[in-house]
Amino acid sequence: VQLQASGGGLVQAGGSLRLSCVASGFTLDHYGIGWFRQAPGKEREGVSCISSSGGRTYYADSVKGRFTISRDNAKNTAYLQMNSLKPEDTAVYYCAAVYWVPSFSGDEACRGVYEYDYWGQGTQVTVSS
């Protein structure tokens, strides 16, 4: 049972990357997905979260209008499309899955209110100026 995050890399400012989060050993259908990031010397930050159905999404203010979270339950995969990348987006990005309860909100999911069931390994995103 694991989550596998991939798609990171080195990109120039203004560029784009798409991160993928693939689940194996379980199905994502009933799980919300959160993308988190942690830069050196900084606390982990919730970037974007999506409910199990995809009907609820949340974005941190710092990425609104630039990042898009999505999911394809048929492929057991979630994505984070990152456009107009900035040097301050440089961090290790992690995906995580939480069993979704109808009362959950994307905001609380990204603020770490809920205890996530599974975490993927990180994928490094580096944005050069």
N, C-alpha and C. Protein backbone atom coordinates (compact mmCIF):
# COMPACT_ATOMS: atom_id res chain seq x y z
N VAL A 1 0.86 -1.18 0.00
CA VAL A 1 0.00 0.00 0.00
C VAL A 1 0.89 1.23 0.00
N GLN A 2 0.78 2.02 -1.04
CA GLN A 2 1.63 3.19 -1.08
C GLN A 2 1.11 4.23 -2.06
N LEU A 3 1.63 5.45 -1.88
CA LEU A 3 1.42 6.52 -2.83
C LEU A 3 2.76 6.85 -3.44
N GLN A 4 2.75 7.06 -4.73
CA GLN A 4 3.98 7.37 -5.44
C GLN A 4 3.82 8.72 -6.11
N ALA A 5 4.59 9.69 -5.64
CA ALA A 5 4.57 11.02 -6.25
C ALA A 5 5.71 11.13 -7.26
N SER A 6 5.44 11.78 -8.37
CA SER A 6 6.46 11.95 -9.39
C SER A 6 6.16 13.21 -10.20
N GLY A 7 7.10 13.57 -11.05
CA GLY A 7 6.89 14.70 -11.95
C GLY A 7 7.67 15.95 -11.61
N GLY A 8 8.38 15.91 -10.48
CA GLY A 8 9.18 17.07 -10.13
C GLY A 8 10.37 17.24 -11.06
N GLY A 9 11.05 18.35 -10.88
CA GLY A 9 12.23 18.60 -11.70
C GLY A 9 12.69 20.02 -11.57
N LEU A 10 13.60 20.39 -12.46
CA LEU A 10 14.15 21.73 -12.50
C LEU A 10 13.51 22.49 -13.66
N VAL A 11 12.99 23.64 -13.38
CA VAL A 11 12.31 24.43 -14.41
C VAL A 11 12.62 25.91 -14.18
N GLN A 12 12.61 26.67 -15.26
CA GLN A 12 12.81 28.10 -15.12
C GLN A 12 11.54 28.79 -14.65
N ALA A 13 11.71 29.93 -14.04
CA ALA A 13 10.55 30.71 -13.61
C ALA A 13 9.64 30.96 -14.81
N GLY A 14 8.34 30.81 -14.55
CA GLY A 14 7.37 30.94 -15.62
C GLY A 14 7.01 29.64 -16.29
N GLY A 15 7.77 28.61 -16.00
CA GLY A 15 7.53 27.31 -16.60
C GLY A 15 6.44 26.53 -15.89
N SER A 16 6.25 25.30 -16.36
CA SER A 16 5.18 24.45 -15.83
C SER A 16 5.70 23.06 -15.52
N LEU A 17 5.07 22.43 -14.59
CA LEU A 17 5.29 21.03 -14.27
C LEU A 17 3.95 20.41 -13.89
N ARG A 18 3.83 19.11 -14.12
CA ARG A 18 2.65 18.39 -13.64
C ARG A 18 3.11 17.26 -12.75
N LEU A 19 2.66 17.31 -11.51
CA LEU A 19 2.97 16.25 -10.56
C LEU A 19 1.86 15.20 -10.61
N SER A 20 2.26 13.97 -10.43
CA SER A 20 1.31 12.86 -10.38
C SER A 20 1.44 12.13 -9.06
N CYS A 21 0.36 11.59 -8.60
CA CYS A 21 0.33 10.82 -7.35
C CYS A 21 -0.47 9.56 -7.62
N VAL A 22 0.22 8.43 -7.70
CA VAL A 22 -0.42 7.17 -8.04
C VAL A 22 -0.53 6.29 -6.80
N ALA A 23 -1.70 5.76 -6.58
CA ALA A 23 -1.92 4.86 -5.45
C ALA A 23 -1.80 3.42 -5.89
N SER A 24 -1.18 2.61 -5.06
CA SER A 24 -1.12 1.18 -5.32
C SER A 24 -1.47 0.45 -4.03
N GLY A 25 -2.17 -0.67 -4.18
CA GLY A 25 -2.56 -1.44 -3.02
C GLY A 25 -3.88 -1.01 -2.40
N PHE A 26 -4.43 0.09 -2.88
CA PHE A 26 -5.75 0.54 -2.43
C PHE A 26 -6.30 1.47 -3.51
N THR A 27 -7.60 1.71 -3.45
CA THR A 27 -8.22 2.58 -4.44
C THR A 27 -8.48 3.95 -3.83
N LEU A 28 -8.31 4.96 -4.66
CA LEU A 28 -8.45 6.34 -4.18
C LEU A 28 -9.89 6.82 -4.13
N ASP A 29 -10.82 6.02 -4.59
CA ASP A 29 -12.20 6.47 -4.75
C ASP A 29 -12.76 7.17 -3.51
N HIS A 30 -12.42 6.67 -2.33
CA HIS A 30 -13.01 7.21 -1.10
C HIS A 30 -12.05 8.11 -0.34
N TYR A 31 -10.98 8.49 -1.01
CA TYR A 31 -9.95 9.28 -0.34
C TYR A 31 -9.82 10.67 -0.94
N GLY A 32 -9.73 11.66 -0.06
CA GLY A 32 -9.32 12.97 -0.51
C GLY A 32 -7.81 12.99 -0.67
N ILE A 33 -7.35 13.86 -1.52
CA ILE A 33 -5.92 13.97 -1.79
C ILE A 33 -5.44 15.36 -1.44
N GLY A 34 -4.32 15.42 -0.76
CA GLY A 34 -3.69 16.69 -0.47
C GLY A 34 -2.30 16.73 -1.04
N TRP A 35 -1.95 17.89 -1.58
CA TRP A 35 -0.58 18.13 -1.99
C TRP A 35 0.02 19.12 -0.99
N PHE A 36 1.15 18.76 -0.45
CA PHE A 36 1.84 19.57 0.53
C PHE A 36 3.25 19.84 0.02
N ARG A 37 3.88 20.87 0.53
CA ARG A 37 5.26 21.12 0.15
C ARG A 37 6.03 21.61 1.37
N GLN A 38 7.32 21.36 1.30
CA GLN A 38 8.19 21.82 2.38
C GLN A 38 9.50 22.28 1.78
N ALA A 39 9.80 23.55 2.02
CA ALA A 39 11.06 24.13 1.58
C ALA A 39 12.05 24.06 2.74
N PRO A 40 13.34 24.08 2.44
CA PRO A 40 14.35 24.01 3.51
C PRO A 40 14.14 25.11 4.53
N GLY A 41 14.12 24.71 5.79
CA GLY A 41 13.98 25.68 6.86
C GLY A 41 12.58 26.20 7.09
N LYS A 42 11.63 25.68 6.34
CA LYS A 42 10.25 26.14 6.48
C LYS A 42 9.33 25.00 6.90
N GLU A 43 8.20 25.36 7.44
CA GLU A 43 7.22 24.35 7.83
C GLU A 43 6.51 23.81 6.59
N ARG A 44 5.98 22.61 6.75
CA ARG A 44 5.20 22.03 5.67
C ARG A 44 3.94 22.87 5.43
N GLU A 45 3.62 23.05 4.17
CA GLU A 45 2.50 23.91 3.78
C GLU A 45 1.52 23.11 2.92
N GLY A 46 0.24 23.24 3.22
CA GLY A 46 -0.78 22.64 2.37
C GLY A 46 -0.95 23.48 1.12
N VAL A 47 -0.75 22.90 -0.04
CA VAL A 47 -0.80 23.63 -1.30
C VAL A 47 -2.18 23.55 -1.93
N SER A 48 -2.67 22.33 -2.05
CA SER A 48 -3.97 22.14 -2.69
C SER A 48 -4.55 20.81 -2.26
N CYS A 49 -5.85 20.77 -2.12
CA CYS A 49 -6.53 19.55 -1.69
C CYS A 49 -7.80 19.35 -2.51
N ILE A 50 -8.18 18.09 -2.64
CA ILE A 50 -9.38 17.76 -3.41
C ILE A 50 -10.14 16.65 -2.71
N SER A 51 -11.45 16.74 -2.74
CA SER A 51 -12.28 15.73 -2.09
C SER A 51 -12.26 14.43 -2.89
N SER A 52 -12.84 13.40 -2.32
CA SER A 52 -12.84 12.09 -2.97
C SER A 52 -13.55 12.11 -4.31
N SER A 53 -14.60 12.90 -4.41
CA SER A 53 -15.35 12.98 -5.67
C SER A 53 -14.77 14.00 -6.63
N GLY A 54 -13.91 14.84 -6.11
CA GLY A 54 -13.36 15.94 -6.92
C GLY A 54 -14.23 17.18 -6.88
N GLY A 55 -15.33 17.12 -6.14
CA GLY A 55 -16.26 18.24 -6.12
C GLY A 55 -15.80 19.41 -5.27
N ARG A 56 -14.92 19.15 -4.34
CA ARG A 56 -14.41 20.23 -3.49
C ARG A 56 -12.91 20.34 -3.67
N THR A 57 -12.46 21.54 -3.90
CA THR A 57 -11.04 21.79 -4.01
C THR A 57 -10.65 22.99 -3.15
N TYR A 58 -9.39 23.04 -2.82
CA TYR A 58 -8.87 24.14 -2.02
C TYR A 58 -7.48 24.46 -2.53
N TYR A 59 -7.17 25.75 -2.55
CA TYR A 59 -5.84 26.18 -2.95
C TYR A 59 -5.32 27.19 -1.93
N ALA A 60 -4.05 27.06 -1.61
CA ALA A 60 -3.41 28.09 -0.80
C ALA A 60 -3.38 29.38 -1.62
N ASP A 61 -3.46 30.50 -0.93
CA ASP A 61 -3.47 31.79 -1.62
C ASP A 61 -2.26 31.96 -2.53
N SER A 62 -1.15 31.40 -2.10
CA SER A 62 0.10 31.58 -2.84
C SER A 62 0.09 30.89 -4.21
N VAL A 63 -0.84 29.97 -4.43
CA VAL A 63 -0.85 29.23 -5.70
C VAL A 63 -2.15 29.39 -6.48
N LYS A 64 -3.11 30.10 -5.93
CA LYS A 64 -4.39 30.29 -6.62
C LYS A 64 -4.18 30.92 -7.98
N GLY A 65 -4.86 30.38 -8.96
CA GLY A 65 -4.75 30.89 -10.31
C GLY A 65 -3.57 30.35 -11.09
N ARG A 66 -2.68 29.65 -10.41
CA ARG A 66 -1.49 29.08 -11.08
C ARG A 66 -1.49 27.56 -11.04
N PHE A 67 -1.99 26.99 -9.98
CA PHE A 67 -1.99 25.53 -9.81
C PHE A 67 -3.41 25.01 -9.97
N THR A 68 -3.51 23.79 -10.48
CA THR A 68 -4.80 23.13 -10.61
C THR A 68 -4.68 21.68 -10.14
N ILE A 69 -5.52 21.33 -9.20
CA ILE A 69 -5.54 19.95 -8.71
C ILE A 69 -6.65 19.19 -9.42
N SER A 70 -6.40 17.93 -9.70
CA SER A 70 -7.41 17.11 -10.35
C SER A 70 -7.18 15.66 -9.97
N ARG A 71 -8.10 14.83 -10.37
CA ARG A 71 -7.94 13.41 -10.06
C ARG A 71 -8.64 12.59 -11.13
N ASP A 72 -8.14 11.40 -11.33
CA ASP A 72 -8.74 10.43 -12.24
C ASP A 72 -8.86 9.13 -11.46
N ASN A 73 -10.01 8.92 -10.88
CA ASN A 73 -10.17 7.73 -10.03
C ASN A 73 -10.03 6.44 -10.82
N ALA A 74 -10.37 6.48 -12.10
CA ALA A 74 -10.22 5.28 -12.93
C ALA A 74 -8.75 4.88 -13.05
N LYS A 75 -7.87 5.87 -12.98
CA LYS A 75 -6.43 5.60 -13.05
C LYS A 75 -5.79 5.57 -11.67
N ASN A 76 -6.63 5.76 -10.64
CA ASN A 76 -6.10 5.75 -9.27
C ASN A 76 -5.00 6.78 -9.08
N THR A 77 -5.20 7.92 -9.70
CA THR A 77 -4.15 8.93 -9.77
C THR A 77 -4.72 10.33 -9.52
N ALA A 78 -3.93 11.14 -8.84
CA ALA A 78 -4.24 12.56 -8.67
C ALA A 78 -3.11 13.36 -9.29
N TYR A 79 -3.44 14.59 -9.65
CA TYR A 79 -2.46 15.43 -10.34
C TYR A 79 -2.42 16.82 -9.72
N LEU A 80 -1.28 17.47 -9.91
CA LEU A 80 -1.16 18.88 -9.58
C LEU A 80 -0.47 19.55 -10.76
N GLN A 81 -1.24 20.30 -11.53
CA GLN A 81 -0.68 21.05 -12.63
C GLN A 81 -0.20 22.38 -12.10
N MET A 82 1.07 22.66 -12.31
CA MET A 82 1.67 23.88 -11.78
C MET A 82 2.15 24.74 -12.94
N ASN A 83 1.54 25.89 -13.10
CA ASN A 83 1.91 26.82 -14.15
C ASN A 83 2.48 28.10 -13.55
N SER A 84 3.12 28.87 -14.38
CA SER A 84 3.70 30.16 -13.95
C SER A 84 4.50 29.99 -12.67
N LEU A 85 5.36 29.00 -12.68
CA LEU A 85 6.13 28.69 -11.48
C LEU A 85 7.07 29.83 -11.11
N LYS A 86 7.24 29.99 -9.81
CA LYS A 86 8.09 31.03 -9.26
C LYS A 86 9.19 30.38 -8.42
N PRO A 87 10.31 31.08 -8.25
CA PRO A 87 11.37 30.51 -7.40
C PRO A 87 10.88 30.13 -6.01
N GLU A 88 9.92 30.87 -5.49
CA GLU A 88 9.40 30.56 -4.16
C GLU A 88 8.55 29.29 -4.12
N ASP A 89 8.28 28.70 -5.26
CA ASP A 89 7.59 27.41 -5.30
C ASP A 89 8.57 26.25 -5.10
N THR A 90 9.84 26.55 -5.05
CA THR A 90 10.86 25.51 -4.86
C THR A 90 10.65 24.82 -3.51
N ALA A 91 10.52 23.51 -3.56
CA ALA A 91 10.26 22.72 -2.34
C ALA A 91 10.19 21.25 -2.72
N VAL A 92 10.15 20.43 -1.71
CA VAL A 92 9.79 19.02 -1.91
C VAL A 92 8.27 18.93 -1.79
N TYR A 93 7.65 18.34 -2.78
CA TYR A 93 6.20 18.21 -2.82
C TYR A 93 5.80 16.79 -2.46
N TYR A 94 4.81 16.69 -1.59
CA TYR A 94 4.30 15.40 -1.14
C TYR A 94 2.80 15.30 -1.45
N CYS A 95 2.37 14.10 -1.79
CA CYS A 95 0.93 13.87 -1.86
C CYS A 95 0.53 12.97 -0.69
N ALA A 96 -0.70 13.10 -0.28
CA ALA A 96 -1.20 12.33 0.84
C ALA A 96 -2.69 12.04 0.62
N ALA A 97 -3.16 10.95 1.21
CA ALA A 97 -4.55 10.53 1.05
C ALA A 97 -5.22 10.40 2.41
N VAL A 98 -6.43 10.94 2.49
CA VAL A 98 -7.21 10.86 3.72
C VAL A 98 -8.59 10.32 3.39
N TYR A 99 -9.07 9.35 4.20
CA TYR A 99 -10.40 8.80 3.97
C TYR A 99 -11.40 9.94 4.13
N TRP A 100 -12.20 10.17 3.07
CA TRP A 100 -13.01 11.37 3.03
C TRP A 100 -14.38 11.17 3.66
N VAL A 101 -14.69 12.02 4.59
CA VAL A 101 -16.00 12.04 5.24
C VAL A 101 -16.80 13.20 4.65
N PRO A 102 -18.10 13.04 4.42
CA PRO A 102 -18.88 14.10 3.77
C PRO A 102 -18.76 15.48 4.41
N SER A 103 -18.51 15.52 5.70
CA SER A 103 -18.42 16.81 6.38
C SER A 103 -17.06 17.47 6.22
N PHE A 104 -16.11 16.78 5.61
CA PHE A 104 -14.77 17.35 5.45
C PHE A 104 -14.79 18.54 4.51
N SER A 105 -13.85 19.43 4.69
CA SER A 105 -13.69 20.55 3.77
C SER A 105 -12.28 20.57 3.23
N GLY A 106 -12.13 21.12 2.03
CA GLY A 106 -10.80 21.19 1.45
C GLY A 106 -9.88 22.09 2.25
N ASP A 107 -10.45 23.16 2.82
CA ASP A 107 -9.65 24.08 3.61
C ASP A 107 -9.05 23.36 4.81
N GLU A 108 -9.87 22.64 5.51
CA GLU A 108 -9.37 21.93 6.70
C GLU A 108 -8.41 20.82 6.31
N ALA A 109 -8.67 20.19 5.18
CA ALA A 109 -7.77 19.13 4.72
C ALA A 109 -6.37 19.67 4.48
N CYS A 110 -6.30 20.86 3.90
CA CYS A 110 -4.99 21.43 3.60
C CYS A 110 -4.35 22.10 4.80
N ARG A 111 -5.14 22.39 5.81
CA ARG A 111 -4.54 22.95 7.02
C ARG A 111 -4.08 21.86 7.97
N GLY A 112 -4.21 20.61 7.54
CA GLY A 112 -3.73 19.51 8.36
C GLY A 112 -4.64 19.16 9.52
N VAL A 113 -5.92 19.57 9.44
CA VAL A 113 -6.85 19.26 10.53
C VAL A 113 -7.09 17.77 10.62
N TYR A 114 -7.12 17.12 9.44
CA TYR A 114 -7.39 15.69 9.41
C TYR A 114 -6.08 14.91 9.39
N GLU A 115 -6.13 13.75 9.97
CA GLU A 115 -4.95 12.89 9.97
C GLU A 115 -4.96 12.06 8.69
N TYR A 116 -3.95 12.27 7.88
CA TYR A 116 -3.87 11.57 6.61
C TYR A 116 -3.49 10.11 6.82
N ASP A 117 -4.07 9.25 6.01
CA ASP A 117 -3.83 7.81 6.13
C ASP A 117 -2.57 7.36 5.42
N TYR A 118 -2.29 7.98 4.30
CA TYR A 118 -1.13 7.57 3.51
C TYR A 118 -0.37 8.80 3.02
N TRP A 119 0.94 8.67 3.00
CA TRP A 119 1.80 9.72 2.47
C TRP A 119 2.71 9.12 1.41
N GLY A 120 2.92 9.88 0.34
CA GLY A 120 3.89 9.49 -0.65
C GLY A 120 5.25 10.04 -0.31
N GLN A 121 6.24 9.52 -1.00
CA GLN A 121 7.56 10.11 -0.85
C GLN A 121 7.58 11.44 -1.58
N GLY A 122 8.44 12.29 -1.29
CA GLY A 122 8.45 13.61 -1.90
C GLY A 122 9.05 13.60 -3.29
N THR A 123 8.70 14.63 -4.04
CA THR A 123 9.32 14.86 -5.34
C THR A 123 9.81 16.31 -5.35
N GLN A 124 11.05 16.50 -5.74
CA GLN A 124 11.68 17.81 -5.65
C GLN A 124 11.26 18.68 -6.84
N VAL A 125 10.83 19.88 -6.52
CA VAL A 125 10.55 20.89 -7.54
C VAL A 125 11.50 22.06 -7.30
N THR A 126 12.28 22.39 -8.30
CA THR A 126 13.22 23.50 -8.21
C THR A 126 12.94 24.48 -9.34
N VAL A 127 12.68 25.73 -8.97
CA VAL A 127 12.38 26.75 -9.96
C VAL A 127 13.51 27.78 -9.93
N SER A 128 14.18 27.91 -11.05
CA SER A 128 15.31 28.85 -11.13
C SER A 128 14.82 30.21 -11.63
N SER A 129 15.49 31.24 -11.16
CA SER A 129 15.09 32.60 -11.55
C SER A 129 15.78 33.04 -12.83
